[in-house]
PDB file of N, CA and C in Angstrom:
ATOM      1  N   UNK A   1     156.960  38.813 322.702  1.00  0.00           N
ATOM      2  CA  UNK A   1     157.767  39.559 321.824  1.00  0.00           C
ATOM      3  C   UNK A   1     159.868  39.611 322.931  1.00  0.00           C
ATOM      4  N   UNK A   2     159.427  38.668 324.007  1.00  0.00           N
ATOM      5  CA  UNK A   2     160.915  38.847 325.469  1.00  0.00           C
ATOM      6  C   UNK A   2     161.313  37.488 324.582  1.00  0.00           C
ATOM      7  N   UNK A   3     162.593  37.924 324.844  1.00  0.00           N
ATOM      8  CA  UNK A   3     163.843  36.534 324.669  1.00  0.00           C
ATOM      9  C   UNK A   3     163.360  35.683 325.819  1.00  0.00           C
ATOM     10  N   UNK A   4     163.463  34.588 325.214  1.00  0.00           N
ATOM     11  CA  UNK A   4     163.417  33.205 326.079  1.00  0.00           C
ATOM     12  C   UNK A   4     164.278  33.389 327.202  1.00  0.00           C
ATOM     13  N   UNK A   5     165.496  33.666 327.391  1.00  0.00           N
ATOM     14  CA  UNK A   5     166.353  34.034 328.061  1.00  0.00           C
ATOM     15  C   UNK A   5     165.730  34.760 329.035  1.00  0.00           C
ATOM     16  N   UNK A   6     165.142  35.861 328.669  1.00  0.00           N
ATOM     17  CA  UNK A   6     164.780  36.636 329.659  1.00  0.00           C
ATOM     18  C   UNK A   6     163.126  36.487 330.183  1.00  0.00           C
ATOM     19  N   UNK A   7     162.753  35.730 329.766  1.00  0.00           N
ATOM     20  CA  UNK A   7     161.716  34.535 330.853  1.00  0.00           C
ATOM     21  C   UNK A   7     162.088  33.697 331.257  1.00  0.00           C
ATOM     22  N   UNK A   8     163.052  33.365 331.106  1.00  0.00           N
ATOM     23  CA  UNK A   8     163.431  32.161 332.132  1.00  0.00           C
ATOM     24  C   UNK A   8     163.848  32.715 332.995  1.00  0.00           C
ATOM     25  N   UNK A   9     164.384  34.042 333.452  1.00  0.00           N
ATOM     26  CA  UNK A   9     164.719  34.701 334.576  1.00  0.00           C
ATOM     27  C   UNK A   9     163.732  35.662 335.408  1.00  0.00           C
ATOM     28  N   UNK A  10     162.849  36.187 334.318  1.00  0.00           N
ATOM     29  CA  UNK A  10     161.112  36.236 335.604  1.00  0.00           C
ATOM     30  C   UNK A  10     160.140  35.148 335.169  1.00  0.00           C
ATOM     31  N   UNK A  11     160.257  34.247 334.968  1.00  0.00           N
ATOM     32  CA  UNK A  11     160.016  33.283 335.731  1.00  0.00           C
ATOM     33  C   UNK A  11     160.482  32.710 337.193  1.00  0.00           C
ATOM     34  N   UNK A  12     162.224  32.880 337.098  1.00  0.00           N
ATOM     35  CA  UNK A  12     162.717  32.408 338.256  1.00  0.00           C
ATOM     36  C   UNK A  12     162.761  33.557 339.077  1.00  0.00           C
ATOM     37  N   UNK A  13     162.803  34.870 339.235  1.00  0.00           N
ATOM     38  CA  UNK A  13     162.607  35.553 340.165  1.00  0.00           C
ATOM     39  C   UNK A  13     160.832  35.590 341.125  1.00  0.00           C
ATOM     40  N   UNK A  14     160.178  35.504 339.764  1.00  0.00           N
ATOM     41  CA  UNK A  14     158.578  34.775 340.782  1.00  0.00           C
ATOM     42  C   UNK A  14     158.222  33.769 341.181  1.00  0.00           C
ATOM     43  N   UNK A  15     159.071  32.784 340.775  1.00  0.00           N
ATOM     44  CA  UNK A  15     158.730  31.616 341.595  1.00  0.00           C
ATOM     45  C   UNK A  15     159.321  31.288 342.976  1.00  0.00           C
ATOM     46  N   UNK A  16     160.807  32.355 342.982  1.00  0.00           N
ATOM     47  CA  UNK A  16     161.713  32.429 343.878  1.00  0.00           C
ATOM     48  C   UNK A  16     160.336  33.415 344.654  1.00  0.00           C
ATOM     49  N   UNK A  17     159.925  35.032 344.576  1.00  0.00           N
ATOM     50  CA  UNK A  17     159.242  35.513 345.207  1.00  0.00           C
ATOM     51  C   UNK A  17     157.742  34.215 346.571  1.00  0.00           C
ATOM     52  N   UNK A  18     157.403  33.396 345.492  1.00  0.00           N
ATOM     53  CA  UNK A  18     155.930  33.043 345.457  1.00  0.00           C
ATOM     54  C   UNK A  18     156.058  31.878 346.834  1.00  0.00           C
ATOM     55  N   UNK A  19     157.759  31.150 346.807  1.00  0.00           N
ATOM     56  CA  UNK A  19     158.602  30.745 347.773  1.00  0.00           C
ATOM     57  C   UNK A  19     158.827  31.988 349.247  1.00  0.00           C
ATOM     58  N   UNK A  20     159.088  32.327 348.856  1.00  0.00           N
ATOM     59  CA  UNK A  20     159.429  33.787 349.873  1.00  0.00           C
ATOM     60  C   UNK A  20     158.007  33.819 350.771  1.00  0.00           C
ATOM     61  N   UNK A  21     156.661  33.719 349.476  1.00  0.00           N
ATOM     62  CA  UNK A  21     154.995  34.715 350.412  1.00  0.00           C
ATOM     63  C   UNK A  21     155.030  32.980 351.497  1.00  0.00           C
ATOM     64  N   UNK A  22     155.424  31.363 351.459  1.00  0.00           N
ATOM     65  CA  UNK A  22     155.653  30.962 352.033  1.00  0.00           C
ATOM     66  C   UNK A  22     156.388  29.796 353.331  1.00  0.00           C
ATOM     67  N   UNK A  23     157.223  31.290 353.186  1.00  0.00           N
ATOM     68  CA  UNK A  23     158.005  31.287 354.452  1.00  0.00           C
ATOM     69  C   UNK A  23     157.351  31.056 355.904  1.00  0.00           C
ATOM     70  N   UNK A  24     157.303  30.225 356.930  1.00  0.00           N
ATOM     71  CA  UNK A  24     157.131  30.131 357.867  1.00  0.00           C
ATOM     72  C   UNK A  24     157.743  31.023 358.779  1.00  0.00           C
ATOM     73  N   UNK A  25     157.669  32.321 359.736  1.00  0.00           N
ATOM     74  CA  UNK A  25     158.219  32.939 360.250  1.00  0.00           C
ATOM     75  C   UNK A  25     157.886  33.130 361.561  1.00  0.00           C
ATOM     76  N   UNK A  26     158.083  32.147 363.109  1.00  0.00           N
ATOM     77  CA  UNK A  26     157.972  32.226 363.852  1.00  0.00           C
ATOM     78  C   UNK A  26     158.757  32.978 364.619  1.00  0.00           C
ATOM     79  N   UNK A  27     157.225  33.583 365.470  1.00  0.00           N
ATOM     80  CA  UNK A  27     157.503  34.412 365.823  1.00  0.00           C
ATOM     81  C   UNK A  27     158.232  34.574 367.761  1.00  0.00           C
ATOM     82  N   UNK A  28     159.009  35.274 368.197  1.00  0.00           N
ATOM     83  CA  UNK A  28     159.337  35.032 369.782  1.00  0.00           C
ATOM     84  C   UNK A  28     159.469  36.412 370.851  1.00  0.00           C
ATOM     85  N   UNK A  29     159.646  36.555 371.572  1.00  0.00           N
ATOM     86  CA  UNK A  29     159.469  37.854 372.757  1.00  0.00           C
ATOM     87  C   UNK A  29     158.457  37.869 372.533  1.00  0.00           C
ATOM     88  N   UNK A  30     156.756  37.669 372.749  1.00  0.00           N
ATOM     89  CA  UNK A  30     155.349  38.568 371.935  1.00  0.00           C
ATOM     90  C   UNK A  30     156.215  39.057 370.162  1.00  0.00           C
ATOM     91  N   UNK A  31     156.067  38.826 369.977  1.00  0.00           N
ATOM     92  CA  UNK A  31     156.516  39.278 368.791  1.00  0.00           C
ATOM     93  C   UNK A  31     157.441  40.358 368.096  1.00  0.00           C
ATOM     94  N   UNK A  32     158.801  39.945 369.064  1.00  0.00           N
ATOM     95  CA  UNK A  32     159.700  41.633 369.173  1.00  0.00           C
ATOM     96  C   UNK A  32     160.456  41.135 368.259  1.00  0.00           C
ATOM     97  N   UNK A  33     160.344  39.690 368.715  1.00  0.00           N
ATOM     98  CA  UNK A  33     161.749  39.279 367.552  1.00  0.00           C
ATOM     99  C   UNK A  33     161.070  37.899 366.269  1.00  0.00           C
ATOM    100  N   UNK A  34     161.754  37.268 365.864  1.00  0.00           N
ATOM    101  CA  UNK A  34     161.479  36.007 365.254  1.00  0.00           C
ATOM    102  C   UNK A  34     162.042  35.655 364.710  1.00  0.00           C
ATOM    103  N   UNK A  35     162.206  34.024 363.967  1.00  0.00           N
ATOM    104  CA  UNK A  35     163.026  33.452 363.350  1.00  0.00           C
ATOM    105  C   UNK A  35     162.734  32.615 362.598  1.00  0.00           C
ATOM    106  N   UNK A  36     163.369  32.003 361.162  1.00  0.00           N
ATOM    107  CA  UNK A  36     162.468  30.957 360.880  1.00  0.00           C
ATOM    108  C   UNK A  36     163.971  30.309 360.303  1.00  0.00           C
ATOM    109  N   UNK A  37     162.871  28.713 360.624  1.00  0.00           N
ATOM    110  CA  UNK A  37     164.308  27.868 359.986  1.00  0.00           C
ATOM    111  C   UNK A  37     164.906  27.448 358.994  1.00  0.00           C
ATOM    112  N   UNK A  38     166.315  26.935 359.514  1.00  0.00           N
ATOM    113  CA  UNK A  38     166.968  26.898 357.851  1.00  0.00           C
ATOM    114  C   UNK A  38     166.547  25.670 358.542  1.00  0.00           C
ATOM    115  N   UNK A  39     165.706  24.092 357.797  1.00  0.00           N
ATOM    116  CA  UNK A  39     165.251  23.198 357.086  1.00  0.00           C
ATOM    117  C   UNK A  39     164.112  24.242 356.335  1.00  0.00           C
ATOM    118  N   UNK A  40     163.283  24.950 356.662  1.00  0.00           N
ATOM    119  CA  UNK A  40     162.286  25.112 355.680  1.00  0.00           C
ATOM    120  C   UNK A  40     162.184  24.926 353.946  1.00  0.00           C
ATOM    121  N   UNK A  41     161.545  24.000 353.374  1.00  0.00           N
ATOM    122  CA  UNK A  41     162.455  23.607 352.195  1.00  0.00           C
ATOM    123  C   UNK A  41     161.999  24.587 351.785  1.00  0.00           C
ATOM    124  N   UNK A  42     161.064  26.413 351.543  1.00  0.00           N
ATOM    125  CA  UNK A  42     160.782  27.194 350.475  1.00  0.00           C
ATOM    126  C   UNK A  42     161.891  28.008 350.750  1.00  0.00           C
ATOM    127  N   UNK A  43     162.875  28.619 352.080  1.00  0.00           N
ATOM    128  CA  UNK A  43     164.039  28.889 351.778  1.00  0.00           C
ATOM    129  C   UNK A  43     164.687  28.581 350.825  1.00  0.00           C
ATOM    130  N   UNK A  44     165.193  27.241 350.895  1.00  0.00           N
ATOM    131  CA  UNK A  44     166.134  26.388 350.377  1.00  0.00           C
ATOM    132  C   UNK A  44     165.785  26.889 348.957  1.00  0.00           C
ATOM    133  N   UNK A  45     164.866  27.335 348.447  1.00  0.00           N
ATOM    134  CA  UNK A  45     164.251  26.812 347.137  1.00  0.00           C
ATOM    135  C   UNK A  45     164.502  28.363 346.629  1.00  0.00           C
ATOM    136  N   UNK A  46     163.945  29.232 347.518  1.00  0.00           N
ATOM    137  CA  UNK A  46     164.282  31.380 347.527  1.00  0.00           C
ATOM    138  C   UNK A  46     165.516  30.849 347.387  1.00  0.00           C
ATOM    139  N   UNK A  47     166.536  30.369 347.708  1.00  0.00           N
ATOM    140  CA  UNK A  47     167.806  30.795 347.830  1.00  0.00           C
ATOM    141  C   UNK A  47     168.594  30.390 346.905  1.00  0.00           C
ATOM    142  N   UNK A  48     167.479  28.892 346.366  1.00  0.00           N
ATOM    143  CA  UNK A  48     168.480  28.198 344.990  1.00  0.00           C
ATOM    144  C   UNK A  48     167.701  28.767 344.076  1.00  0.00           C
ATOM    145  N   UNK A  49     167.124  29.468 343.778  1.00  0.00           N
ATOM    146  CA  UNK A  49     166.378  30.328 342.381  1.00  0.00           C
ATOM    147  C   UNK A  49     167.797  31.667 341.702  1.00  0.00           C
ATOM    148  N   UNK A  50     167.458  32.465 343.047  1.00  0.00           N
ATOM    149  CA  UNK A  50     168.465  33.855 343.632  1.00  0.00           C
ATOM    150  C   UNK A  50     169.783  33.725 343.615  1.00  0.00           C
ATOM    151  N   UNK A  51     170.590  32.441 343.762  1.00  0.00           N
ATOM    152  CA  UNK A  51     171.812  32.989 343.721  1.00  0.00           C
ATOM    153  C   UNK A  51     172.511  32.979 344.663  1.00  0.00           C
ATOM    154  N   UNK A  52     171.864  33.065 346.272  1.00  0.00           N
ATOM    155  CA  UNK A  52     171.511  33.441 346.969  1.00  0.00           C
ATOM    156  C   UNK A  52     172.055  33.092 348.612  1.00  0.00           C
ATOM    157  N   UNK A  53     173.097  33.468 349.273  1.00  0.00           N
ATOM    158  CA  UNK A  53     174.108  32.489 350.472  1.00  0.00           C
ATOM    159  C   UNK A  53     172.702  32.502 351.708  1.00  0.00           C
ATOM    160  N   UNK A  54     172.079  30.677 351.915  1.00  0.00           N
ATOM    161  CA  UNK A  54     171.185  30.774 352.840  1.00  0.00           C
ATOM    162  C   UNK A  54     171.352  31.217 353.781  1.00  0.00           C
ATOM    163  N   UNK A  55     172.743  31.130 355.219  1.00  0.00           N
ATOM    164  CA  UNK A  55     172.542  31.694 355.792  1.00  0.00           C
ATOM    165  C   UNK A  55     172.333  32.820 355.737  1.00  0.00           C
ATOM    166  N   UNK A  56     172.717  33.581 354.940  1.00  0.00           N
ATOM    167  CA  UNK A  56     172.581  35.681 355.599  1.00  0.00           C
ATOM    168  C   UNK A  56     171.552  35.677 354.833  1.00  0.00           C
ATOM    169  N   UNK A  57     170.815  35.281 354.443  1.00  0.00           N
ATOM    170  CA  UNK A  57     168.891  35.532 353.562  1.00  0.00           C
ATOM    171  C   UNK A  57     168.080  34.858 355.048  1.00  0.00           C
ATOM    172  N   UNK A  58     168.684  33.672 355.808  1.00  0.00           N
ATOM    173  CA  UNK A  58     167.676  33.343 356.703  1.00  0.00           C
ATOM    174  C   UNK A  58     168.336  34.529 358.035  1.00  0.00           C
ATOM    175  N   UNK A  59     169.130  34.872 358.250  1.00  0.00           N
ATOM    176  CA  UNK A  59     169.831  36.009 358.822  1.00  0.00           C
ATOM    177  C   UNK A  59     168.526  37.601 358.650  1.00  0.00           C
ATOM    178  N   UNK A  60     169.297  37.917 357.406  1.00  0.00           N
ATOM    179  CA  UNK A  60     168.679  39.198 357.543  1.00  0.00           C
ATOM    180  C   UNK A  60     166.811  39.151 356.404  1.00  0.00           C
ATOM    181  N   UNK A  61     166.930  38.371 357.026  1.00  0.00           N
ATOM    182  CA  UNK A  61     164.841  38.337 356.714  1.00  0.00           C
ATOM    183  C   UNK A  61     164.331  38.743 358.593  1.00  0.00           C
ATOM    184  N   UNK A  62     165.251  37.990 358.751  1.00  0.00           N
ATOM    185  CA  UNK A  62     164.846  38.716 360.761  1.00  0.00           C
ATOM    186  C   UNK A  62     165.646  39.700 361.300  1.00  0.00           C
ATOM    187  N   UNK A  63     166.445  40.316 360.778  1.00  0.00           N
ATOM    188  CA  UNK A  63     166.797  41.397 361.603  1.00  0.00           C
ATOM    189  C   UNK A  63     166.509  42.978 360.668  1.00  0.00           C
ATOM    190  N   UNK A  64     166.300  43.831 360.922  1.00  0.00           N
ATOM    191  CA  UNK A  64     165.608  44.603 360.295  1.00  0.00           C
ATOM    192  C   UNK A  64     167.455  46.076 359.704  1.00  0.00           C
ATOM    193  N   UNK A  65     168.444  45.619 359.945  1.00  0.00           N
ATOM    194  CA  UNK A  65     169.428  46.532 359.388  1.00  0.00           C
ATOM    195  C   UNK A  65     169.340  45.813 357.694  1.00  0.00           C
TER     196      UNK A  65
END
């Protein structure tokens, strides 16, 4: 009973969440800070699926504000 266009949106969001779960986050300074590689394939897929800016997502995944 769900329209095909809504199904594709749901599938895209689920795929993005699964890619986000596969990101490799490197801990720095005894885990007080972290970073995500800009070349991480999963980050690129996540950003492309949701249409968000790669650099911004890379930054905000590792900052609390």
